[in-house]
């Protein structure tokens, strides 16, 4: 069948209760039986969790107990959030420091409400390595494109503002 949500929602999980049924049939049939299917179910435009009783497809020559299961479709609403993160510089030689303008970027993302509590600012990491910077400079680039090295699970539609940064590599005397 088909289980679909309203566009502002997403399907979190689909489960059946019970998750297993008992099948009585000749052993030759049971040896090849991998699953028992439900009849087609069509649930559309879901905006909240929905449970329906669903019949199981009969199998010729077998008895299935129980003959129905409860199918539960769990939905979650999408929400948008914003975090501000710094740009992390890696592998810069002693005495060289990366300065970006601005020093932070805003990351806008979409996540399901139930997962939003698990998404933290520290889960987003944007890194510029010295090696990447050298390649960009060789190519004549005057700005650093901002890319995320890590994005939390469940996060979608990530937008970074600004998407490119002006930069300066400072040479600092470490003895001072």
N, C-alpha and C. Protein backbone atom coordinates (compact mmCIF):
# COMPACT_ATOMS: atom_id res chain seq x y z
N UNK A 1 0.81 -1.18 0.00
CA UNK A 1 0.00 0.00 0.00
C UNK A 1 0.85 1.25 0.00
N UNK A 2 0.28 2.31 0.54
CA UNK A 2 0.94 3.60 0.51
C UNK A 2 0.68 4.30 1.84
N UNK A 3 1.75 4.81 2.45
CA UNK A 3 1.64 5.61 3.67
C UNK A 3 2.39 6.89 3.41
N UNK A 4 1.66 8.01 3.35
CA UNK A 4 2.27 9.30 3.03
C UNK A 4 1.82 10.35 4.02
N UNK A 5 2.71 11.32 4.26
CA UNK A 5 2.40 12.40 5.18
C UNK A 5 2.07 13.68 4.43
N UNK A 6 1.51 14.61 5.14
CA UNK A 6 1.35 15.97 4.66
C UNK A 6 2.75 16.53 4.43
N UNK A 7 2.97 17.45 3.48
CA UNK A 7 4.32 17.93 3.19
C UNK A 7 5.09 18.52 4.37
N UNK A 8 4.41 19.02 5.39
CA UNK A 8 5.10 19.59 6.54
C UNK A 8 5.53 18.53 7.56
N UNK A 9 5.23 17.30 7.27
CA UNK A 9 5.51 16.19 8.18
C UNK A 9 6.34 15.14 7.47
N UNK A 10 6.88 14.22 8.27
CA UNK A 10 7.58 13.08 7.67
C UNK A 10 7.23 11.83 8.45
N UNK A 11 7.42 10.69 7.79
CA UNK A 11 7.10 9.41 8.39
C UNK A 11 8.24 8.98 9.30
N UNK A 12 7.98 8.91 10.58
CA UNK A 12 8.99 8.55 11.57
C UNK A 12 9.16 7.03 11.63
N UNK A 13 8.04 6.30 11.61
CA UNK A 13 8.12 4.84 11.72
C UNK A 13 6.77 4.24 11.33
N UNK A 14 6.83 3.02 10.85
CA UNK A 14 5.63 2.22 10.60
C UNK A 14 5.86 0.88 11.28
N UNK A 15 4.92 0.48 12.10
CA UNK A 15 5.07 -0.79 12.82
C UNK A 15 3.74 -1.53 12.86
N UNK A 16 3.83 -2.82 13.16
CA UNK A 16 2.62 -3.63 13.33
C UNK A 16 2.64 -4.26 14.71
N UNK A 17 1.44 -4.42 15.27
CA UNK A 17 1.28 -5.09 16.55
C UNK A 17 0.22 -6.15 16.36
N UNK A 18 0.55 -7.40 16.56
CA UNK A 18 1.87 -7.90 16.92
C UNK A 18 2.82 -7.82 15.72
N UNK A 19 4.11 -7.89 16.01
CA UNK A 19 5.11 -7.83 14.93
C UNK A 19 5.33 -9.21 14.32
N UNK A 20 4.85 -10.25 14.99
CA UNK A 20 4.97 -11.62 14.48
C UNK A 20 3.63 -12.32 14.62
N UNK A 21 3.36 -13.23 13.69
CA UNK A 21 2.15 -14.04 13.75
C UNK A 21 2.54 -15.51 13.67
N UNK A 22 1.61 -16.37 14.02
CA UNK A 22 1.85 -17.81 13.96
C UNK A 22 1.19 -18.35 12.70
N UNK A 23 1.95 -19.16 11.94
CA UNK A 23 1.43 -19.75 10.71
C UNK A 23 1.41 -21.27 10.87
N UNK A 24 0.25 -21.84 10.62
CA UNK A 24 0.08 -23.29 10.66
C UNK A 24 -0.02 -23.78 9.22
N UNK A 25 0.96 -24.60 8.80
CA UNK A 25 0.99 -25.08 7.42
C UNK A 25 1.92 -26.28 7.35
N UNK A 26 1.90 -27.00 6.23
CA UNK A 26 2.85 -28.12 6.07
C UNK A 26 4.29 -27.60 6.15
N UNK A 27 5.18 -28.43 6.67
CA UNK A 27 6.57 -28.00 6.86
C UNK A 27 7.23 -27.58 5.55
N UNK A 28 6.87 -28.17 4.44
CA UNK A 28 7.46 -27.78 3.15
C UNK A 28 7.10 -26.34 2.81
N UNK A 29 5.92 -25.90 3.22
CA UNK A 29 5.50 -24.52 2.98
C UNK A 29 6.20 -23.58 3.98
N UNK A 30 6.28 -24.02 5.22
CA UNK A 30 6.90 -23.18 6.25
C UNK A 30 8.39 -22.97 5.99
N UNK A 31 9.05 -23.98 5.38
CA UNK A 31 10.49 -23.87 5.09
C UNK A 31 10.80 -22.73 4.13
N UNK A 32 9.85 -22.37 3.28
CA UNK A 32 10.10 -21.33 2.27
C UNK A 32 9.41 -20.01 2.60
N UNK A 33 8.61 -19.98 3.65
CA UNK A 33 7.86 -18.77 4.01
C UNK A 33 8.77 -17.79 4.73
N UNK A 34 8.91 -16.59 4.18
CA UNK A 34 9.78 -15.57 4.79
C UNK A 34 9.00 -14.49 5.51
N UNK A 35 7.79 -14.21 5.04
CA UNK A 35 7.00 -13.13 5.64
C UNK A 35 5.54 -13.33 5.34
N UNK A 36 4.72 -12.68 6.14
CA UNK A 36 3.29 -12.62 5.89
C UNK A 36 2.99 -11.15 5.62
N UNK A 37 2.24 -10.91 4.57
CA UNK A 37 1.97 -9.54 4.16
C UNK A 37 0.57 -9.11 4.59
N UNK A 38 0.43 -7.79 4.76
CA UNK A 38 -0.89 -7.24 5.02
C UNK A 38 -1.56 -6.96 3.68
N UNK A 39 -2.86 -6.77 3.71
CA UNK A 39 -3.53 -6.29 2.50
C UNK A 39 -3.08 -4.84 2.32
N UNK A 40 -3.23 -4.32 1.10
CA UNK A 40 -2.78 -2.95 0.83
C UNK A 40 -3.48 -1.95 1.74
N UNK A 41 -2.69 -1.02 2.24
CA UNK A 41 -3.20 0.05 3.09
C UNK A 41 -2.85 1.37 2.42
N UNK A 42 -3.81 2.27 2.36
CA UNK A 42 -3.55 3.59 1.80
C UNK A 42 -3.87 4.66 2.83
N UNK A 43 -2.83 5.25 3.37
CA UNK A 43 -2.96 6.35 4.32
C UNK A 43 -2.23 7.54 3.69
N UNK A 44 -2.94 8.64 3.49
CA UNK A 44 -2.32 9.80 2.85
C UNK A 44 -2.59 11.05 3.66
N UNK A 45 -1.75 12.06 3.44
CA UNK A 45 -1.88 13.37 4.07
C UNK A 45 -1.91 13.29 5.60
N UNK A 46 -1.11 12.36 6.15
CA UNK A 46 -1.08 12.20 7.60
C UNK A 46 -0.46 13.42 8.27
N UNK A 47 -1.10 13.88 9.36
CA UNK A 47 -0.59 14.99 10.16
C UNK A 47 -0.41 14.58 11.62
N UNK A 48 -0.82 13.36 11.91
CA UNK A 48 -0.67 12.83 13.27
C UNK A 48 -0.55 11.32 13.19
N UNK A 49 -0.13 10.72 14.30
CA UNK A 49 -0.01 9.26 14.33
C UNK A 49 -1.36 8.63 14.04
N UNK A 50 -1.32 7.51 13.31
CA UNK A 50 -2.58 6.85 12.96
C UNK A 50 -2.40 5.35 13.10
N UNK A 51 -3.39 4.71 13.72
CA UNK A 51 -3.41 3.25 13.85
C UNK A 51 -4.67 2.71 13.19
N UNK A 52 -4.48 1.66 12.40
CA UNK A 52 -5.61 1.02 11.73
C UNK A 52 -5.46 -0.49 11.84
N UNK A 53 -6.60 -1.16 11.93
CA UNK A 53 -6.56 -2.62 11.93
C UNK A 53 -6.53 -3.09 10.49
N UNK A 54 -5.58 -3.99 10.20
CA UNK A 54 -5.35 -4.42 8.82
C UNK A 54 -5.39 -5.94 8.77
N UNK A 55 -6.08 -6.46 7.76
CA UNK A 55 -6.13 -7.91 7.56
C UNK A 55 -4.82 -8.39 6.94
N UNK A 56 -4.45 -9.61 7.23
CA UNK A 56 -3.28 -10.22 6.61
C UNK A 56 -3.72 -10.93 5.35
N UNK A 57 -2.87 -10.92 4.33
CA UNK A 57 -3.19 -11.61 3.09
C UNK A 57 -3.21 -13.12 3.36
N UNK A 58 -4.27 -13.77 2.98
CA UNK A 58 -4.33 -15.22 3.21
C UNK A 58 -3.28 -15.96 2.38
N UNK A 59 -2.82 -17.07 2.92
CA UNK A 59 -1.88 -17.94 2.21
C UNK A 59 -2.60 -19.26 2.00
N UNK A 60 -2.74 -19.67 0.75
CA UNK A 60 -3.47 -20.89 0.43
C UNK A 60 -2.82 -22.09 1.12
N UNK A 61 -3.61 -22.83 1.84
CA UNK A 61 -3.12 -24.03 2.53
C UNK A 61 -2.52 -23.75 3.89
N UNK A 62 -2.66 -22.51 4.38
CA UNK A 62 -2.10 -22.15 5.69
C UNK A 62 -3.14 -21.41 6.51
N UNK A 63 -2.97 -21.51 7.82
CA UNK A 63 -3.82 -20.75 8.73
C UNK A 63 -2.92 -19.77 9.47
N UNK A 64 -3.35 -18.51 9.54
CA UNK A 64 -2.55 -17.46 10.17
C UNK A 64 -3.31 -16.95 11.40
N UNK A 65 -2.61 -16.89 12.53
CA UNK A 65 -3.20 -16.38 13.76
C UNK A 65 -2.28 -15.34 14.38
N UNK A 66 -2.78 -14.17 14.70
CA UNK A 66 -4.12 -13.68 14.39
C UNK A 66 -4.22 -13.34 12.91
N UNK A 67 -5.43 -13.11 12.44
CA UNK A 67 -5.63 -12.84 11.01
C UNK A 67 -5.58 -11.34 10.70
N UNK A 68 -5.47 -10.53 11.76
CA UNK A 68 -5.33 -9.08 11.57
C UNK A 68 -4.23 -8.56 12.49
N UNK A 69 -3.68 -7.41 12.13
CA UNK A 69 -2.68 -6.72 12.96
C UNK A 69 -3.07 -5.25 13.01
N UNK A 70 -2.52 -4.55 13.98
CA UNK A 70 -2.70 -3.10 14.05
C UNK A 70 -1.48 -2.45 13.44
N UNK A 71 -1.70 -1.69 12.38
CA UNK A 71 -0.61 -0.97 11.72
C UNK A 71 -0.60 0.45 12.28
N UNK A 72 0.56 0.88 12.77
CA UNK A 72 0.69 2.22 13.32
C UNK A 72 1.71 3.00 12.50
N UNK A 73 1.27 4.13 11.98
CA UNK A 73 2.15 5.05 11.25
C UNK A 73 2.42 6.23 12.18
N UNK A 74 3.69 6.43 12.51
CA UNK A 74 4.06 7.52 13.41
C UNK A 74 4.67 8.65 12.58
N UNK A 75 4.13 9.85 12.76
CA UNK A 75 4.60 11.00 11.99
C UNK A 75 5.20 12.04 12.93
N UNK A 76 6.02 12.89 12.36
CA UNK A 76 6.64 13.97 13.11
C UNK A 76 6.61 15.21 12.24
N UNK A 77 6.53 16.36 12.86
CA UNK A 77 6.48 17.62 12.13
C UNK A 77 7.91 18.13 11.92
N UNK A 78 8.15 18.71 10.74
CA UNK A 78 9.44 19.34 10.47
C UNK A 78 9.48 20.70 11.15
N UNK A 79 10.65 21.07 11.64
CA UNK A 79 10.84 22.41 12.16
C UNK A 79 12.18 22.94 11.65
N UNK A 80 12.29 24.25 11.59
CA UNK A 80 13.53 24.86 11.12
C UNK A 80 14.21 25.51 12.31
N UNK A 81 15.53 25.43 12.34
CA UNK A 81 16.29 26.04 13.43
C UNK A 81 17.56 26.64 12.84
N UNK A 82 18.21 27.49 13.64
CA UNK A 82 19.43 28.17 13.22
C UNK A 82 20.44 28.10 14.35
N UNK A 83 21.70 27.80 13.99
CA UNK A 83 22.80 27.86 14.96
C UNK A 83 23.91 28.71 14.33
N UNK A 84 24.69 29.34 15.18
CA UNK A 84 25.84 30.11 14.71
C UNK A 84 27.09 29.36 15.15
N UNK A 85 27.97 29.06 14.17
CA UNK A 85 29.16 28.26 14.48
C UNK A 85 30.43 28.97 14.01
N UNK A 86 31.55 28.70 14.68
CA UNK A 86 32.82 29.26 14.25
C UNK A 86 33.43 28.43 13.12
N UNK A 87 34.39 29.02 12.43
CA UNK A 87 35.15 28.30 11.42
C UNK A 87 36.41 27.78 12.11
N UNK A 88 36.66 26.49 12.03
CA UNK A 88 37.80 25.87 12.69
C UNK A 88 38.93 25.73 11.67
N UNK A 89 40.13 26.16 12.05
CA UNK A 89 41.29 26.00 11.17
C UNK A 89 42.15 24.85 11.68
N UNK A 90 42.60 24.02 10.74
CA UNK A 90 43.40 22.85 11.09
C UNK A 90 44.69 22.82 10.28
N UNK A 91 45.71 22.25 10.87
CA UNK A 91 47.00 21.98 10.21
C UNK A 91 47.74 23.25 9.79
N UNK A 92 47.45 24.37 10.44
CA UNK A 92 48.20 25.59 10.12
C UNK A 92 49.55 25.53 10.83
N UNK A 93 50.62 25.91 10.12
CA UNK A 93 51.95 25.86 10.74
C UNK A 93 52.05 26.85 11.90
N UNK A 94 53.00 26.59 12.78
CA UNK A 94 53.22 27.50 13.91
C UNK A 94 53.47 28.90 13.37
N UNK A 95 52.85 29.88 13.98
CA UNK A 95 53.03 31.26 13.57
C UNK A 95 52.06 31.72 12.49
N UNK A 96 51.22 30.83 11.98
CA UNK A 96 50.23 31.20 10.96
C UNK A 96 48.83 30.98 11.54
N UNK A 97 48.01 32.00 11.44
CA UNK A 97 46.65 31.93 11.97
C UNK A 97 45.66 32.38 10.91
N UNK A 98 44.56 31.65 10.80
CA UNK A 98 43.51 32.00 9.85
C UNK A 98 42.51 32.93 10.52
N UNK A 99 42.21 34.01 9.84
CA UNK A 99 41.15 34.92 10.27
C UNK A 99 40.12 34.94 9.14
N UNK A 100 38.87 34.70 9.50
CA UNK A 100 37.81 34.76 8.50
C UNK A 100 36.89 35.93 8.83
N UNK A 101 36.31 36.48 7.81
CA UNK A 101 35.41 37.63 7.96
C UNK A 101 34.08 37.30 7.30
N UNK A 102 33.04 37.09 8.09
CA UNK A 102 32.98 37.12 9.54
C UNK A 102 33.59 35.86 10.15
N UNK A 103 33.83 35.86 11.46
CA UNK A 103 34.45 34.70 12.10
C UNK A 103 33.49 33.52 12.33
N UNK A 104 32.19 33.78 12.18
CA UNK A 104 31.19 32.72 12.36
C UNK A 104 30.22 32.74 11.19
N UNK A 105 29.50 31.62 11.01
CA UNK A 105 28.45 31.53 10.00
C UNK A 105 27.17 31.04 10.65
N UNK A 106 26.06 31.36 10.02
CA UNK A 106 24.76 30.87 10.49
C UNK A 106 24.38 29.66 9.67
N UNK A 107 24.01 28.60 10.35
CA UNK A 107 23.57 27.36 9.70
C UNK A 107 22.08 27.20 9.98
N UNK A 108 21.30 27.22 8.92
CA UNK A 108 19.86 27.01 9.01
C UNK A 108 19.58 25.60 8.53
N UNK A 109 18.74 24.87 9.26
CA UNK A 109 18.48 23.49 8.91
C UNK A 109 17.07 23.09 9.29
N UNK A 110 16.64 21.97 8.71
CA UNK A 110 15.34 21.39 9.02
C UNK A 110 15.56 20.07 9.73
N UNK A 111 14.75 19.83 10.76
CA UNK A 111 14.86 18.59 11.52
C UNK A 111 13.47 18.27 12.08
N UNK A 112 13.21 17.00 12.31
CA UNK A 112 11.95 16.61 12.93
C UNK A 112 11.92 17.05 14.39
N UNK A 113 10.75 17.46 14.85
CA UNK A 113 10.61 17.97 16.21
C UNK A 113 11.13 16.98 17.24
N UNK A 114 10.86 15.70 17.07
CA UNK A 114 11.28 14.71 18.06
C UNK A 114 12.80 14.56 18.12
N UNK A 115 13.50 14.91 17.04
CA UNK A 115 14.96 14.81 17.01
C UNK A 115 15.64 16.14 17.35
N UNK A 116 14.87 17.21 17.41
CA UNK A 116 15.46 18.55 17.57
C UNK A 116 16.23 18.69 18.88
N UNK A 117 15.80 18.00 19.92
CA UNK A 117 16.49 18.10 21.22
C UNK A 117 17.89 17.48 21.17
N UNK A 118 18.11 16.57 20.23
CA UNK A 118 19.41 15.91 20.11
C UNK A 118 20.40 16.68 19.25
N UNK A 119 19.91 17.68 18.52
CA UNK A 119 20.78 18.46 17.62
C UNK A 119 21.35 19.63 18.41
N UNK A 120 22.66 19.66 18.53
CA UNK A 120 23.34 20.72 19.27
C UNK A 120 24.26 21.49 18.34
N UNK A 121 24.57 22.69 18.73
CA UNK A 121 25.48 23.55 17.97
C UNK A 121 26.81 22.84 17.71
N UNK A 122 27.31 22.12 18.70
CA UNK A 122 28.61 21.44 18.59
C UNK A 122 28.60 20.31 17.54
N UNK A 123 27.39 19.86 17.13
CA UNK A 123 27.28 18.80 16.13
C UNK A 123 27.58 19.28 14.71
N UNK A 124 27.59 20.59 14.51
CA UNK A 124 27.91 21.18 13.21
C UNK A 124 29.35 21.66 13.26
N UNK A 125 30.18 21.20 12.35
CA UNK A 125 31.59 21.60 12.34
C UNK A 125 31.98 22.01 10.93
N UNK A 126 32.55 23.22 10.83
CA UNK A 126 33.07 23.70 9.56
C UNK A 126 34.57 23.88 9.71
N UNK A 127 35.33 23.19 8.86
CA UNK A 127 36.79 23.15 8.98
C UNK A 127 37.45 23.66 7.71
N UNK A 128 38.50 24.45 7.89
CA UNK A 128 39.37 24.85 6.78
C UNK A 128 40.76 24.35 7.12
N UNK A 129 41.32 23.51 6.26
CA UNK A 129 42.69 23.04 6.50
C UNK A 129 43.67 23.93 5.75
N UNK A 130 44.87 23.96 6.24
CA UNK A 130 45.92 24.76 5.60
C UNK A 130 46.13 24.27 4.17
N UNK A 131 46.09 22.96 3.98
CA UNK A 131 46.28 22.38 2.64
C UNK A 131 45.19 22.84 1.68
N UNK A 132 43.94 22.84 2.14
CA UNK A 132 42.83 23.31 1.30
C UNK A 132 43.00 24.79 0.95
N UNK A 133 43.46 25.57 1.91
CA UNK A 133 43.65 27.00 1.68
C UNK A 133 44.74 27.25 0.64
N UNK A 134 45.82 26.47 0.70
CA UNK A 134 46.89 26.62 -0.29
C UNK A 134 46.38 26.31 -1.70
N UNK A 135 45.56 25.28 -1.83
CA UNK A 135 44.99 24.92 -3.13
C UNK A 135 44.09 26.06 -3.64
N UNK A 136 43.27 26.61 -2.75
CA UNK A 136 42.39 27.71 -3.13
C UNK A 136 43.19 28.92 -3.61
N UNK A 137 44.29 29.23 -2.88
CA UNK A 137 45.12 30.37 -3.26
C UNK A 137 45.80 30.12 -4.61
N UNK A 138 46.24 28.89 -4.85
CA UNK A 138 46.85 28.55 -6.14
C UNK A 138 45.86 28.73 -7.28
N UNK A 139 44.60 28.46 -7.00
CA UNK A 139 43.55 28.61 -8.02
C UNK A 139 43.09 30.05 -8.16
N UNK A 140 43.68 30.96 -7.36
CA UNK A 140 43.33 32.37 -7.44
C UNK A 140 42.08 32.76 -6.68
N UNK A 141 41.60 31.89 -5.82
CA UNK A 141 40.39 32.19 -5.05
C UNK A 141 40.67 33.30 -4.04
N UNK A 142 39.68 34.17 -3.88
CA UNK A 142 39.81 35.24 -2.90
C UNK A 142 38.88 35.03 -1.71
N UNK A 143 38.05 34.00 -1.80
CA UNK A 143 37.13 33.67 -0.71
C UNK A 143 37.18 32.18 -0.42
N UNK A 144 36.85 31.83 0.81
CA UNK A 144 36.80 30.43 1.22
C UNK A 144 35.34 29.98 1.16
N UNK A 145 35.04 28.90 0.39
CA UNK A 145 33.67 28.37 0.44
C UNK A 145 33.47 27.65 1.79
N UNK A 146 32.34 27.88 2.41
CA UNK A 146 32.06 27.26 3.71
C UNK A 146 31.41 25.91 3.48
N UNK A 147 32.01 24.88 4.05
CA UNK A 147 31.47 23.51 3.97
C UNK A 147 31.43 22.94 5.37
N UNK A 148 30.44 22.12 5.60
CA UNK A 148 30.33 21.47 6.90
C UNK A 148 30.99 20.11 6.84
N UNK A 149 31.85 19.86 7.81
CA UNK A 149 32.51 18.55 7.90
C UNK A 149 31.58 17.54 8.55
N UNK A 150 30.81 17.99 9.52
CA UNK A 150 29.85 17.10 10.18
C UNK A 150 28.47 17.75 10.22
N UNK A 151 27.47 16.92 9.99
CA UNK A 151 26.06 17.33 10.07
C UNK A 151 25.35 16.25 10.88
N UNK A 152 24.57 16.64 11.87
CA UNK A 152 23.89 15.63 12.71
C UNK A 152 22.90 14.78 11.91
N UNK A 153 22.70 13.57 12.37
CA UNK A 153 21.75 12.66 11.75
C UNK A 153 20.34 13.23 11.85
N UNK A 154 19.59 13.09 10.78
CA UNK A 154 18.21 13.57 10.76
C UNK A 154 18.06 15.00 10.28
N UNK A 155 19.17 15.70 10.09
CA UNK A 155 19.13 17.10 9.65
C UNK A 155 19.11 17.14 8.12
N UNK A 156 18.23 17.98 7.57
CA UNK A 156 18.14 18.14 6.11
C UNK A 156 18.05 19.62 5.77
N UNK A 157 18.07 19.90 4.49
CA UNK A 157 17.91 21.27 3.97
C UNK A 157 18.84 22.27 4.66
N UNK A 158 20.12 21.94 4.69
CA UNK A 158 21.11 22.79 5.36
C UNK A 158 21.48 23.96 4.45
N UNK A 159 21.41 25.17 5.03
CA UNK A 159 21.84 26.37 4.31
C UNK A 159 22.83 27.11 5.20
N UNK A 160 23.88 27.64 4.58
CA UNK A 160 24.94 28.33 5.33
C UNK A 160 24.99 29.78 4.84
N UNK A 161 25.02 30.71 5.80
CA UNK A 161 25.05 32.12 5.47
C UNK A 161 26.12 32.83 6.28
N UNK A 162 27.08 33.46 5.69
CA UNK A 162 27.35 33.50 4.26
C UNK A 162 27.96 32.18 3.79
N UNK A 163 27.84 31.91 2.51
CA UNK A 163 28.34 30.64 1.96
C UNK A 163 29.83 30.72 1.61
N UNK A 164 30.37 31.94 1.55
CA UNK A 164 31.79 32.15 1.30
C UNK A 164 32.30 33.23 2.25
N UNK A 165 33.56 33.11 2.64
CA UNK A 165 34.13 34.06 3.59
C UNK A 165 35.39 34.71 3.03
N UNK A 166 35.55 35.98 3.34
CA UNK A 166 36.84 36.63 3.11
C UNK A 166 37.79 36.08 4.16
N UNK A 167 39.08 36.07 3.85
CA UNK A 167 40.02 35.51 4.82
C UNK A 167 41.36 36.23 4.76
N UNK A 168 42.11 36.02 5.80
CA UNK A 168 43.45 36.57 5.92
C UNK A 168 44.27 35.56 6.70
N UNK A 169 45.47 35.25 6.22
CA UNK A 169 46.36 34.38 6.97
C UNK A 169 47.39 35.29 7.62
N UNK A 170 47.34 35.36 8.93
CA UNK A 170 48.26 36.22 9.69
C UNK A 170 49.52 35.44 10.04
N UNK A 171 50.63 36.13 9.93
CA UNK A 171 51.89 35.57 10.41
C UNK A 171 52.16 36.24 11.74
N UNK A 172 52.23 35.43 12.77
CA UNK A 172 52.39 35.93 14.13
C UNK A 172 53.68 35.40 14.70
N UNK A 173 54.43 36.28 15.34
CA UNK A 173 55.65 35.87 16.02
C UNK A 173 55.25 35.23 17.33
N UNK A 174 55.47 33.94 17.47
CA UNK A 174 55.05 33.19 18.66
C UNK A 174 55.88 33.54 19.89
N UNK A 175 57.04 34.19 19.71
CA UNK A 175 57.92 34.50 20.85
C UNK A 175 57.41 35.71 21.63
N UNK A 176 56.54 36.52 21.07
CA UNK A 176 56.09 37.73 21.75
C UNK A 176 55.06 37.43 22.79
